[in-house]
Amino acid sequence: MRIPVTTLNDGYDLPLLGLGTYKLQGGDVERVVRTAIELGYRHIDTASLYDNEVEVGMAINNAIAAGDVTREELFVTTKLWNDDQERVAEAYHESLTALDLEFVDCYLVHWPWPQHGTYIKAFEEIAQLQGMGRLQSVGVANFYPEVLDDIIDATGIAPVLNQVELHAGFTQPELRAYHEQHDIVTEAWMPIARGKNFDDPAIRAVADAHEATPAQVSLAYLMHLGCSVIPKTQNPQRLAENIGAVNIKLTDEDIALLDGVHGERLSGDPLTFPG
């Protein structure tokens, strides 16, 4: 199954649907990542915080060795945790070593943590790694316009993407408009809202109309809005279900219905987290 791609502001292509690996641990990691690759996933997202970079890297390298995929076909993302914002080069090297990869496709500042005041320098040092040829693309996660302005003004570089909480009912239109203005891809973590909105009448109606599942409709909706999505699951049936979202073609009427879903932020607010 071919997943659509979008071109980042540095010229590289990003598959719009990927696999999130938050909370995947132990033997589940290789099973899920290998199954995902077999199904056609080419975008794998992890982070140092997740404590699974070793297992994610092992799964990727085993898939490459088995001939299931080439390294060039994959887009691998990991992230700089808050406590490492003052030791960027060392933290990146540790992630590369854990993943057992020669490079990472995208390295993100995981949270701005404005109270600590180190996010500008951290982003700048990640950009320096890119300039040295050790990294493909530079991004951020959980940033908002004020802190995005700060890093762009300080470095002259717009991140290729900003990975944020986003789902039907909480689509952050003002932030997406900012991203569009600055050629930053919006990437949605928690894109299916942990299933909390699957009983919403609009999501149900669109799912029934397309003989699809609420998860598929939710993912198709965000991709229609131009977002990259990285749903996570341990269930092989759900892996296949989620990737099936790329085949759903929503109508203008569907989009209007889904635009009317009501929701709210379900996790930490970057204005206050981690404090």
C-alpha atoms as a PDB file:
ATOM      1  CA  MET A   1       0.000   0.000   0.000  1.00  0.00           C
ATOM      2  CA  ARG A   2       1.422   3.369  -1.042  1.00  0.00           C
ATOM      3  CA  ILE A   3       1.257   6.121   1.552  1.00  0.00           C
ATOM      4  CA  PRO A   4       1.079   9.707   0.224  1.00  0.00           C
ATOM      5  CA  VAL A   5       4.044  11.952   0.959  1.00  0.00           C
ATOM      6  CA  THR A   6       4.535  15.650   1.498  1.00  0.00           C
ATOM      7  CA  THR A   7       7.720  17.554   0.720  1.00  0.00           C
ATOM      8  CA  LEU A   8       9.385  19.236   3.686  1.00  0.00           C
ATOM      9  CA  ASN A   9      10.848  22.736   3.503  1.00  0.00           C
ATOM     10  CA  ASP A  10      14.340  21.232   3.132  1.00  0.00           C
ATOM     11  CA  GLY A  11      13.339  19.152   0.093  1.00  0.00           C
ATOM     12  CA  TYR A  12      12.989  15.729   1.718  1.00  0.00           C
ATOM     13  CA  ASP A  13       9.795  13.687   1.461  1.00  0.00           C
ATOM     14  CA  LEU A  14       7.778  12.696   4.532  1.00  0.00           C
ATOM     15  CA  PRO A  15       5.174   9.892   4.425  1.00  0.00           C
ATOM     16  CA  LEU A  16       1.940  11.405   5.761  1.00  0.00           C
ATOM     17  CA  LEU A  17       1.089   8.316   7.822  1.00  0.00           C
ATOM     18  CA  GLY A  18       3.597   6.738  10.161  1.00  0.00           C
ATOM     19  CA  LEU A  19       3.917   4.514  13.202  1.00  0.00           C
ATOM     20  CA  GLY A  20       4.157   6.026  16.667  1.00  0.00           C
ATOM     21  CA  THR A  21       6.004   3.868  19.214  1.00  0.00           C
ATOM     22  CA  TYR A  22       5.235   5.613  22.515  1.00  0.00           C
ATOM     23  CA  LYS A  23       4.818   3.035  25.331  1.00  0.00           C
ATOM     24  CA  LEU A  24       5.930   0.135  23.098  1.00  0.00           C
ATOM     25  CA  GLN A  25       8.396  -1.960  25.072  1.00  0.00           C
ATOM     26  CA  GLY A  26      10.422  -5.173  24.886  1.00  0.00           C
ATOM     27  CA  GLY A  27       9.556  -7.825  22.344  1.00  0.00           C
ATOM     28  CA  ASP A  28       6.439  -5.948  21.264  1.00  0.00           C
ATOM     29  CA  VAL A  29       8.607  -3.311  19.596  1.00  0.00           C
ATOM     30  CA  GLU A  30      10.216  -5.575  16.999  1.00  0.00           C
ATOM     31  CA  ARG A  31       6.946  -7.408  16.323  1.00  0.00           C
ATOM     32  CA  VAL A  32       5.007  -4.179  15.759  1.00  0.00           C
ATOM     33  CA  VAL A  33       7.684  -2.347  13.752  1.00  0.00           C
ATOM     34  CA  ARG A  34       8.389  -5.355  11.525  1.00  0.00           C
ATOM     35  CA  THR A  35       4.659  -5.903  10.927  1.00  0.00           C
ATOM     36  CA  ALA A  36       4.199  -2.222  10.150  1.00  0.00           C
ATOM     37  CA  ILE A  37       7.019  -2.288   7.589  1.00  0.00           C
ATOM     38  CA  GLU A  38       5.551  -5.407   5.981  1.00  0.00           C
ATOM     39  CA  LEU A  39       2.204  -3.591   5.686  1.00  0.00           C
ATOM     40  CA  GLY A  40       3.822  -0.616   3.963  1.00  0.00           C
ATOM     41  CA  TYR A  41       4.650   1.846   6.744  1.00  0.00           C
ATOM     42  CA  ARG A  42       7.796   3.809   5.935  1.00  0.00           C
ATOM     43  CA  HIS A  43       7.728   6.443   8.680  1.00  0.00           C
ATOM     44  CA  ILE A  44       8.757   5.342  12.191  1.00  0.00           C
ATOM     45  CA  ASP A  45       8.635   7.709  15.173  1.00  0.00           C
ATOM     46  CA  THR A  46      10.428   7.195  18.494  1.00  0.00           C
ATOM     47  CA  ALA A  47      12.141   9.314  21.166  1.00  0.00           C
ATOM     48  CA  SER A  48      14.803   8.955  23.816  1.00  0.00           C
ATOM     49  CA  LEU A  49      12.042   9.350  26.411  1.00  0.00           C
ATOM     50  CA  TYR A  50      10.290   6.224  25.109  1.00  0.00           C
ATOM     51  CA  ASP A  51      13.208   4.019  26.179  1.00  0.00           C
ATOM     52  CA  ASN A  52      12.794   1.839  23.095  1.00  0.00           C
ATOM     53  CA  GLU A  53      15.309   3.248  20.607  1.00  0.00           C
ATOM     54  CA  VAL A  54      17.432   0.076  20.866  1.00  0.00           C
ATOM     55  CA  GLU A  55      14.478  -2.147  20.005  1.00  0.00           C
ATOM     56  CA  VAL A  56      13.186   0.178  17.275  1.00  0.00           C
ATOM     57  CA  GLY A  57      16.633   0.249  15.670  1.00  0.00           C
ATOM     58  CA  MET A  58      16.959  -3.525  15.913  1.00  0.00           C
ATOM     59  CA  ALA A  59      13.614  -3.970  14.169  1.00  0.00           C
ATOM     60  CA  ILE A  60      14.581  -1.538  11.418  1.00  0.00           C
ATOM     61  CA  ASN A  61      17.973  -3.145  10.851  1.00  0.00           C
ATOM     62  CA  ASN A  62      16.483  -6.636  10.839  1.00  0.00           C
ATOM     63  CA  ALA A  63      13.881  -5.545   8.291  1.00  0.00           C
ATOM     64  CA  ILE A  64      16.636  -4.091   6.106  1.00  0.00           C
ATOM     65  CA  ALA A  65      18.737  -7.246   6.451  1.00  0.00           C
ATOM     66  CA  ALA A  66      15.728  -9.367   5.485  1.00  0.00           C
ATOM     67  CA  GLY A  67      15.216  -7.306   2.334  1.00  0.00           C
ATOM     68  CA  ASP A  68      11.820  -6.006   3.442  1.00  0.00           C
ATOM     69  CA  VAL A  69      12.885  -2.376   2.987  1.00  0.00           C
ATOM     70  CA  THR A  70      15.952  -0.245   2.326  1.00  0.00           C
ATOM     71  CA  ARG A  71      17.211   2.425   4.704  1.00  0.00           C
ATOM     72  CA  GLU A  72      16.578   5.044   2.014  1.00  0.00           C
ATOM     73  CA  GLU A  73      12.888   4.111   1.918  1.00  0.00           C
ATOM     74  CA  LEU A  74      12.438   4.804   5.628  1.00  0.00           C
ATOM     75  CA  PHE A  75      11.886   8.091   7.461  1.00  0.00           C
ATOM     76  CA  VAL A  76      13.009   7.655  11.082  1.00  0.00           C
ATOM     77  CA  THR A  77      12.362  10.321  13.720  1.00  0.00           C
ATOM     78  CA  THR A  78      13.645  10.554  17.275  1.00  0.00           C
ATOM     79  CA  LYS A  79      13.592  13.358  19.813  1.00  0.00           C
ATOM     80  CA  LEU A  80      15.730  15.325  22.262  1.00  0.00           C
ATOM     81  CA  TRP A  81      14.306  15.084  25.779  1.00  0.00           C
ATOM     82  CA  ASN A  82      13.990  18.124  28.040  1.00  0.00           C
ATOM     83  CA  ASP A  83      16.850  17.170  30.369  1.00  0.00           C
ATOM     84  CA  ASP A  84      19.191  16.946  27.364  1.00  0.00           C
ATOM     85  CA  GLN A  85      18.611  20.429  25.926  1.00  0.00           C
ATOM     86  CA  GLU A  86      22.033  21.520  27.174  1.00  0.00           C
ATOM     87  CA  ARG A  87      23.879  18.482  25.769  1.00  0.00           C
ATOM     88  CA  VAL A  88      22.475  18.158  22.256  1.00  0.00           C
ATOM     89  CA  ALA A  89      25.451  16.597  20.459  1.00  0.00           C
ATOM     90  CA  GLU A  90      25.937  13.960  23.149  1.00  0.00           C
ATOM     91  CA  ALA A  91      22.217  13.126  23.296  1.00  0.00           C
ATOM     92  CA  TYR A  92      22.006  12.808  19.511  1.00  0.00           C
ATOM     93  CA  HIS A  93      25.034  10.507  19.461  1.00  0.00           C
ATOM     94  CA  GLU A  94      23.419   8.376  22.185  1.00  0.00           C
ATOM     95  CA  SER A  95      20.225   8.079  20.128  1.00  0.00           C
ATOM     96  CA  LEU A  96      22.174   7.150  16.994  1.00  0.00           C
ATOM     97  CA  THR A  97      24.097   4.519  18.962  1.00  0.00           C
ATOM     98  CA  ALA A  98      20.919   3.104  20.496  1.00  0.00           C
ATOM     99  CA  LEU A  99      19.181   2.974  17.120  1.00  0.00           C
ATOM    100  CA  ASP A 100      22.344   1.590  15.466  1.00  0.00           C
ATOM    101  CA  LEU A 101      21.747   3.859  12.473  1.00  0.00           C
ATOM    102  CA  GLU A 102      24.215   6.033  10.559  1.00  0.00           C
ATOM    103  CA  PHE A 103      21.804   8.968  10.591  1.00  0.00           C
ATOM    104  CA  VAL A 104      18.303   9.954  11.676  1.00  0.00           C
ATOM    105  CA  ASP A 105      15.929  11.469   9.144  1.00  0.00           C
ATOM    106  CA  CYS A 106      14.473  13.982  11.609  1.00  0.00           C
ATOM    107  CA  TYR A 107      15.536  15.044  15.106  1.00  0.00           C
ATOM    108  CA  LEU A 108      13.065  17.039  17.190  1.00  0.00           C
ATOM    109  CA  VAL A 109      13.256  19.223  20.271  1.00  0.00           C
ATOM    110  CA  HIS A 110      10.631  17.244  22.183  1.00  0.00           C
ATOM    111  CA  TRP A 111       9.117  20.144  24.199  1.00  0.00           C
ATOM    112  CA  PRO A 112      10.000  23.834  24.256  1.00  0.00           C
ATOM    113  CA  TRP A 113      10.054  23.969  28.093  1.00  0.00           C
ATOM    114  CA  PRO A 114      10.031  27.784  28.050  1.00  0.00           C
ATOM    115  CA  GLN A 115      10.455  27.991  31.826  1.00  0.00           C
ATOM    116  CA  HIS A 116      13.960  26.559  31.430  1.00  0.00           C
ATOM    117  CA  GLY A 117      14.971  28.880  28.592  1.00  0.00           C
ATOM    118  CA  THR A 118      17.214  26.504  26.616  1.00  0.00           C
ATOM    119  CA  TYR A 119      15.035  25.621  23.620  1.00  0.00           C
ATOM    120  CA  ILE A 120      16.547  28.227  21.264  1.00  0.00           C
ATOM    121  CA  LYS A 121      20.093  27.020  21.884  1.00  0.00           C
ATOM    122  CA  ALA A 122      18.972  23.385  21.622  1.00  0.00           C
ATOM    123  CA  PHE A 123      17.320  23.984  18.259  1.00  0.00           C
ATOM    124  CA  GLU A 124      20.366  25.903  17.046  1.00  0.00           C
ATOM    125  CA  GLU A 125      22.692  23.039  17.999  1.00  0.00           C
ATOM    126  CA  ILE A 126      20.472  20.513  16.217  1.00  0.00           C
ATOM    127  CA  ALA A 127      20.673  22.719  13.120  1.00  0.00           C
ATOM    128  CA  GLN A 128      24.466  22.675  13.472  1.00  0.00           C
ATOM    129  CA  LEU A 129      24.393  18.857  13.455  1.00  0.00           C
ATOM    130  CA  GLN A 130      22.455  19.046  10.205  1.00  0.00           C
ATOM    131  CA  GLY A 131      25.017  21.492   8.795  1.00  0.00           C
ATOM    132  CA  MET A 132      27.783  19.015   9.614  1.00  0.00           C
ATOM    133  CA  GLY A 133      26.012  16.309   7.607  1.00  0.00           C
ATOM    134  CA  ARG A 134      25.125  14.175  10.641  1.00  0.00           C
ATOM    135  CA  LEU A 135      21.382  14.696  10.405  1.00  0.00           C
ATOM    136  CA  GLN A 136      18.858  15.008   7.587  1.00  0.00           C
ATOM    137  CA  SER A 137      16.067  17.266   8.903  1.00  0.00           C
ATOM    138  CA  VAL A 138      15.475  19.489  11.931  1.00  0.00           C
ATOM    139  CA  GLY A 139      12.107  19.723  13.660  1.00  0.00           C
ATOM    140  CA  VAL A 140      10.280  20.381  16.895  1.00  0.00           C
ATOM    141  CA  ALA A 141       7.386  18.992  18.878  1.00  0.00           C
ATOM    142  CA  ASN A 142       4.786  20.710  21.040  1.00  0.00           C
ATOM    143  CA  PHE A 143       5.884  24.213  20.011  1.00  0.00           C
ATOM    144  CA  TYR A 144       3.444  27.128  19.651  1.00  0.00           C
ATOM    145  CA  PRO A 145       3.719  30.362  17.646  1.00  0.00           C
ATOM    146  CA  GLU A 146       5.596  32.446  20.215  1.00  0.00           C
ATOM    147  CA  VAL A 147       8.394  29.909  20.691  1.00  0.00           C
ATOM    148  CA  LEU A 148       8.440  29.097  16.973  1.00  0.00           C
ATOM    149  CA  ASP A 149       8.995  32.817  16.346  1.00  0.00           C
ATOM    150  CA  ASP A 150      11.860  32.718  18.834  1.00  0.00           C
ATOM    151  CA  ILE A 151      13.762  29.916  17.109  1.00  0.00           C
ATOM    152  CA  ILE A 152      13.122  31.226  13.590  1.00  0.00           C
ATOM    153  CA  ASP A 153      14.199  34.751  14.552  1.00  0.00           C
ATOM    154  CA  ALA A 154      17.325  33.456  16.314  1.00  0.00           C
ATOM    155  CA  THR A 155      18.475  30.969  13.675  1.00  0.00           C
ATOM    156  CA  GLY A 156      16.820  31.961  10.399  1.00  0.00           C
ATOM    157  CA  ILE A 157      15.646  28.339  10.123  1.00  0.00           C
ATOM    158  CA  ALA A 158      12.048  27.140  10.187  1.00  0.00           C
ATOM    159  CA  PRO A 159      11.680  23.571  11.482  1.00  0.00           C
ATOM    160  CA  VAL A 160      10.487  21.103   8.862  1.00  0.00           C
ATOM    161  CA  LEU A 161       7.638  19.988  11.097  1.00  0.00           C
ATOM    162  CA  ASN A 162       6.028  20.566  14.457  1.00  0.00           C
ATOM    163  CA  GLN A 163       4.605  17.449  16.093  1.00  0.00           C
ATOM    164  CA  VAL A 164       1.654  18.384  18.316  1.00  0.00           C
ATOM    165  CA  GLU A 165      -1.434  16.916  19.902  1.00  0.00           C
ATOM    166  CA  LEU A 166      -4.130  17.115  17.264  1.00  0.00           C
ATOM    167  CA  HIS A 167      -7.289  15.139  16.556  1.00  0.00           C
ATOM    168  CA  ALA A 168     -10.876  15.583  15.369  1.00  0.00           C
ATOM    169  CA  GLY A 169     -12.432  18.169  17.673  1.00  0.00           C
ATOM    170  CA  PHE A 170      -8.999  19.625  18.536  1.00  0.00           C
ATOM    171  CA  THR A 171      -7.434  20.544  15.203  1.00  0.00           C
ATOM    172  CA  GLN A 172      -5.599  23.704  16.360  1.00  0.00           C
ATOM    173  CA  PRO A 173      -6.546  25.821  13.300  1.00  0.00           C
ATOM    174  CA  GLU A 174      -4.557  28.889  14.397  1.00  0.00           C
ATOM    175  CA  LEU A 175      -1.394  26.838  14.847  1.00  0.00           C
ATOM    176  CA  ARG A 176      -1.925  25.090  11.508  1.00  0.00           C
ATOM    177  CA  ALA A 177      -2.340  28.459   9.822  1.00  0.00           C
ATOM    178  CA  TYR A 178       0.957  29.606  11.350  1.00  0.00           C
ATOM    179  CA  HIS A 179       2.618  26.421  10.104  1.00  0.00           C
ATOM    180  CA  GLU A 180       1.280  26.950   6.593  1.00  0.00           C
ATOM    181  CA  GLN A 181       2.559  30.528   6.588  1.00  0.00           C
ATOM    182  CA  HIS A 182       6.054  29.330   7.545  1.00  0.00           C
ATOM    183  CA  ASP A 183       6.118  26.131   5.429  1.00  0.00           C
ATOM    184  CA  ILE A 184       6.126  23.867   8.495  1.00  0.00           C
ATOM    185  CA  VAL A 185       4.326  20.510   8.323  1.00  0.00           C
ATOM    186  CA  THR A 186       1.801  19.881  11.091  1.00  0.00           C
ATOM    187  CA  GLU A 187       2.310  16.377  12.482  1.00  0.00           C
ATOM    188  CA  ALA A 188      -0.375  14.957  14.755  1.00  0.00           C
ATOM    189  CA  TRP A 189       0.387  12.832  17.756  1.00  0.00           C
ATOM    190  CA  MET A 190      -2.654  11.276  19.421  1.00  0.00           C
ATOM    191  CA  PRO A 191      -4.457  11.599  16.044  1.00  0.00           C
ATOM    192  CA  ILE A 192      -7.292   9.273  17.045  1.00  0.00           C
ATOM    193  CA  ALA A 193      -7.772  10.865  20.485  1.00  0.00           C
ATOM    194  CA  ARG A 194      -7.235   7.514  22.234  1.00  0.00           C
ATOM    195  CA  GLY A 195     -10.605   6.493  20.761  1.00  0.00           C
ATOM    196  CA  LYS A 196     -12.441   8.873  23.070  1.00  0.00           C
ATOM    197  CA  ASN A 197     -14.421  10.473  20.235  1.00  0.00           C
ATOM    198  CA  PHE A 198     -15.266   7.347  18.243  1.00  0.00           C
ATOM    199  CA  ASP A 199     -18.904   7.550  19.341  1.00  0.00           C
ATOM    200  CA  ASP A 200     -19.277  11.113  18.083  1.00  0.00           C
ATOM    201  CA  PRO A 201     -22.296  11.145  15.711  1.00  0.00           C
ATOM    202  CA  ALA A 202     -20.363  12.921  12.937  1.00  0.00           C
ATOM    203  CA  ILE A 203     -17.459  10.471  13.036  1.00  0.00           C
ATOM    204  CA  ARG A 204     -19.887   7.544  13.134  1.00  0.00           C
ATOM    205  CA  ALA A 205     -21.920   8.904  10.208  1.00  0.00           C
ATOM    206  CA  VAL A 206     -18.863   9.421   8.002  1.00  0.00           C
ATOM    207  CA  ALA A 207     -17.471   6.015   8.968  1.00  0.00           C
ATOM    208  CA  ASP A 208     -20.760   4.331   8.066  1.00  0.00           C
ATOM    209  CA  ALA A 209     -20.938   6.203   4.747  1.00  0.00           C
ATOM    210  CA  HIS A 210     -17.495   4.912   3.751  1.00  0.00           C
ATOM    211  CA  GLU A 211     -17.806   1.456   5.332  1.00  0.00           C
ATOM    212  CA  ALA A 212     -14.775   2.435   7.375  1.00  0.00           C
ATOM    213  CA  THR A 213     -13.871   2.581  11.052  1.00  0.00           C
ATOM    214  CA  PRO A 214     -13.853   5.719  13.218  1.00  0.00           C
ATOM    215  CA  ALA A 215     -10.059   5.471  13.427  1.00  0.00           C
ATOM    216  CA  GLN A 216      -9.715   5.384   9.648  1.00  0.00           C
ATOM    217  CA  VAL A 217     -12.025   8.368   9.239  1.00  0.00           C
ATOM    218  CA  SER A 218     -10.173  10.328  11.931  1.00  0.00           C
ATOM    219  CA  LEU A 219      -6.815   9.714  10.247  1.00  0.00           C
ATOM    220  CA  ALA A 220      -8.145  10.433   6.756  1.00  0.00           C
ATOM    221  CA  TYR A 221      -9.633  13.692   8.036  1.00  0.00           C
ATOM    222  CA  LEU A 222      -6.336  14.935   9.461  1.00  0.00           C
ATOM    223  CA  MET A 223      -4.455  13.959   6.304  1.00  0.00           C
ATOM    224  CA  HIS A 224      -7.086  15.852   4.292  1.00  0.00           C
ATOM    225  CA  LEU A 225      -6.205  18.897   6.417  1.00  0.00           C
ATOM    226  CA  GLY A 226      -2.587  18.438   5.305  1.00  0.00           C
ATOM    227  CA  CYS A 227      -1.345  16.877   8.533  1.00  0.00           C
ATOM    228  CA  SER A 228       1.058  14.002   8.982  1.00  0.00           C
ATOM    229  CA  VAL A 229      -0.286  11.417  11.449  1.00  0.00           C
ATOM    230  CA  ILE A 230       1.561   8.895  13.633  1.00  0.00           C
ATOM    231  CA  PRO A 231      -0.998   6.629  15.330  1.00  0.00           C
ATOM    232  CA  LYS A 232       0.365   4.032  17.725  1.00  0.00           C
ATOM    233  CA  THR A 233      -0.903   0.532  18.408  1.00  0.00           C
ATOM    234  CA  GLN A 234       0.370  -2.901  19.443  1.00  0.00           C
ATOM    235  CA  ASN A 235      -2.455  -4.670  17.630  1.00  0.00           C
ATOM    236  CA  PRO A 236      -1.588  -6.029  14.132  1.00  0.00           C
ATOM    237  CA  GLN A 237      -5.213  -5.704  13.028  1.00  0.00           C
ATOM    238  CA  ARG A 238      -5.183  -2.044  14.061  1.00  0.00           C
ATOM    239  CA  LEU A 239      -1.900  -1.510  12.185  1.00  0.00           C
ATOM    240  CA  ALA A 240      -3.632  -2.716   9.021  1.00  0.00           C
ATOM    241  CA  GLU A 241      -6.764  -0.718   9.851  1.00  0.00           C
ATOM    242  CA  ASN A 242      -4.830   2.512  10.353  1.00  0.00           C
ATOM    243  CA  ILE A 243      -2.864   2.297   7.123  1.00  0.00           C
ATOM    244  CA  GLY A 244      -6.158   1.688   5.323  1.00  0.00           C
ATOM    245  CA  ALA A 245      -7.027   5.317   6.049  1.00  0.00           C
ATOM    246  CA  VAL A 246      -4.968   6.388   3.020  1.00  0.00           C
ATOM    247  CA  ASN A 247      -7.623   4.841   0.738  1.00  0.00           C
ATOM    248  CA  ILE A 248     -10.528   6.869   2.127  1.00  0.00           C
ATOM    249  CA  LYS A 249     -11.572   9.843  -0.010  1.00  0.00           C
ATOM    250  CA  LEU A 250     -13.657  12.220   2.078  1.00  0.00           C
ATOM    251  CA  THR A 251     -16.220  14.511   0.458  1.00  0.00           C
ATOM    252  CA  ASP A 252     -16.760  18.184   1.207  1.00  0.00           C
ATOM    253  CA  GLU A 253     -19.863  17.147   3.145  1.00  0.00           C
ATOM    254  CA  ASP A 254     -17.798  14.696   5.214  1.00  0.00           C
ATOM    255  CA  ILE A 255     -15.260  17.406   6.026  1.00  0.00           C
ATOM    256  CA  ALA A 256     -18.000  19.821   7.061  1.00  0.00           C
ATOM    257  CA  LEU A 257     -19.414  17.203   9.420  1.00  0.00           C
ATOM    258  CA  LEU A 258     -16.025  16.399  10.917  1.00  0.00           C
ATOM    259  CA  ASP A 259     -15.209  20.099  11.308  1.00  0.00           C
ATOM    260  CA  GLY A 260     -18.168  20.216  13.695  1.00  0.00           C
ATOM    261  CA  VAL A 261     -16.797  17.611  16.124  1.00  0.00           C
ATOM    262  CA  HIS A 262     -16.218  19.087  19.576  1.00  0.00           C
ATOM    263  CA  GLY A 263     -13.171  18.119  21.624  1.00  0.00           C
ATOM    264  CA  GLU A 264     -10.368  19.403  23.789  1.00  0.00           C
ATOM    265  CA  ARG A 265      -6.710  18.876  24.617  1.00  0.00           C
ATOM    266  CA  LEU A 266      -6.225  15.498  26.291  1.00  0.00           C
ATOM    267  CA  SER A 267      -2.600  15.754  27.376  1.00  0.00           C
ATOM    268  CA  GLY A 268       0.012  18.244  28.602  1.00  0.00           C
ATOM    269  CA  ASP A 269      -0.216  21.882  27.530  1.00  0.00           C
ATOM    270  CA  PRO A 270       3.174  23.088  26.227  1.00  0.00           C
ATOM    271  CA  LEU A 271       2.557  26.500  27.799  1.00  0.00           C
ATOM    272  CA  THR A 272       2.894  24.902  31.224  1.00  0.00           C
ATOM    273  CA  PHE A 273       4.455  21.426  30.758  1.00  0.00           C
ATOM    274  CA  PRO A 274       6.875  20.375  32.195  1.00  0.00           C
ATOM    275  CA  GLY A 275       6.970  23.500  34.363  1.00  0.00           C
END
